[in-house]
Amino acid sequence: MTTHPHPLARLHLPGGTLLDATGDGPWHEPLLWYADRPARPGDWARLYEAGRPLGLLPVLMETGRGDDGPQDWELQPGRTSDPGDHDAEQVLEEYWQDFRFAEEGLEELNRWPGTAPAPAAAPGGLSPDRLAAETADIISDSGRLALIPALRSADIPAAIGWSGPLNHDNDVARLCAVLRSWEDRFGIRVVSLGFDTMKVSVGRPPGTGAEAYALAAEHLAFCPDAIDAELPEGLRMYADMELLGQDVWSFWWD
């Protein structure tokens, strides 16, 4: 039987490390390539062009808070399912119900409102991939670039078994199902991962207050820690300040 080399082995990459370390011991193949120097403007675009034909996508591994790199993040690919096995709206509704039962005095948030509609594309805007490259360039000094075997950006966390949201859900593929839905509706790209943080670029952000408020409910379900103001007023504030017309979304899990 003919075997084909792993896609990470088919690229002539600059200095870096092929990482197979997980929380359960070595993985049977490289999970990612991790650069040995800080990222610089333009690096993202170059890696994207080189890696995408081979099924590899770049992501910035942020260590700006002093966290160690991905070799110390206890990645769990063996415990991660396939994002395609999950329905995004069902996942969000389950998160919403879990949040509702954990909180008191939020009767007005009892009912899951459903997913937000896709906004109209802004005329003349950057493509989602170009926006992702420009976003990565802006924050490039906060980490190092990695290449991940993934066919779509939304699957990057699941492809490496990222455990950042472990206290919210121990199967990151369920969150990746939501990211897939956001990729389709809002043109998001996963730009950076930290130990427990994520930034995504947004090619089609909500353009009206109503669109932003509908989306805020999804963000509350996806990452309750991202909304730190008192609810329900905090939901409206989050929609207006963090979502309306914003082309970067940031998440962190406690």
Foldseek 3Di string as FASTA:
>chain_A
DDDDDQLVVVDPDPAWDQDQAALVGGDPGGFKTWHPDFFAQPPQVVCQVRRQVSQKHKAFEFCQVVDDTPNPLRADLVPADALVVDALQVLLVVLQCVVVVVDPPPVVSNDQPTAFAFADADPPFDQLVVQLSVVCNVCRRRGTMMMGNHNAQLCSCNSRRQCLQVVSPNHCSNLSNNVVVQCVRFVWGFHYDYSNKTKIFTRHFDADLVRLLSNLSSVCSSAVVVQDDDPDVSSSVCSVPPGHVGGMHMHGHD
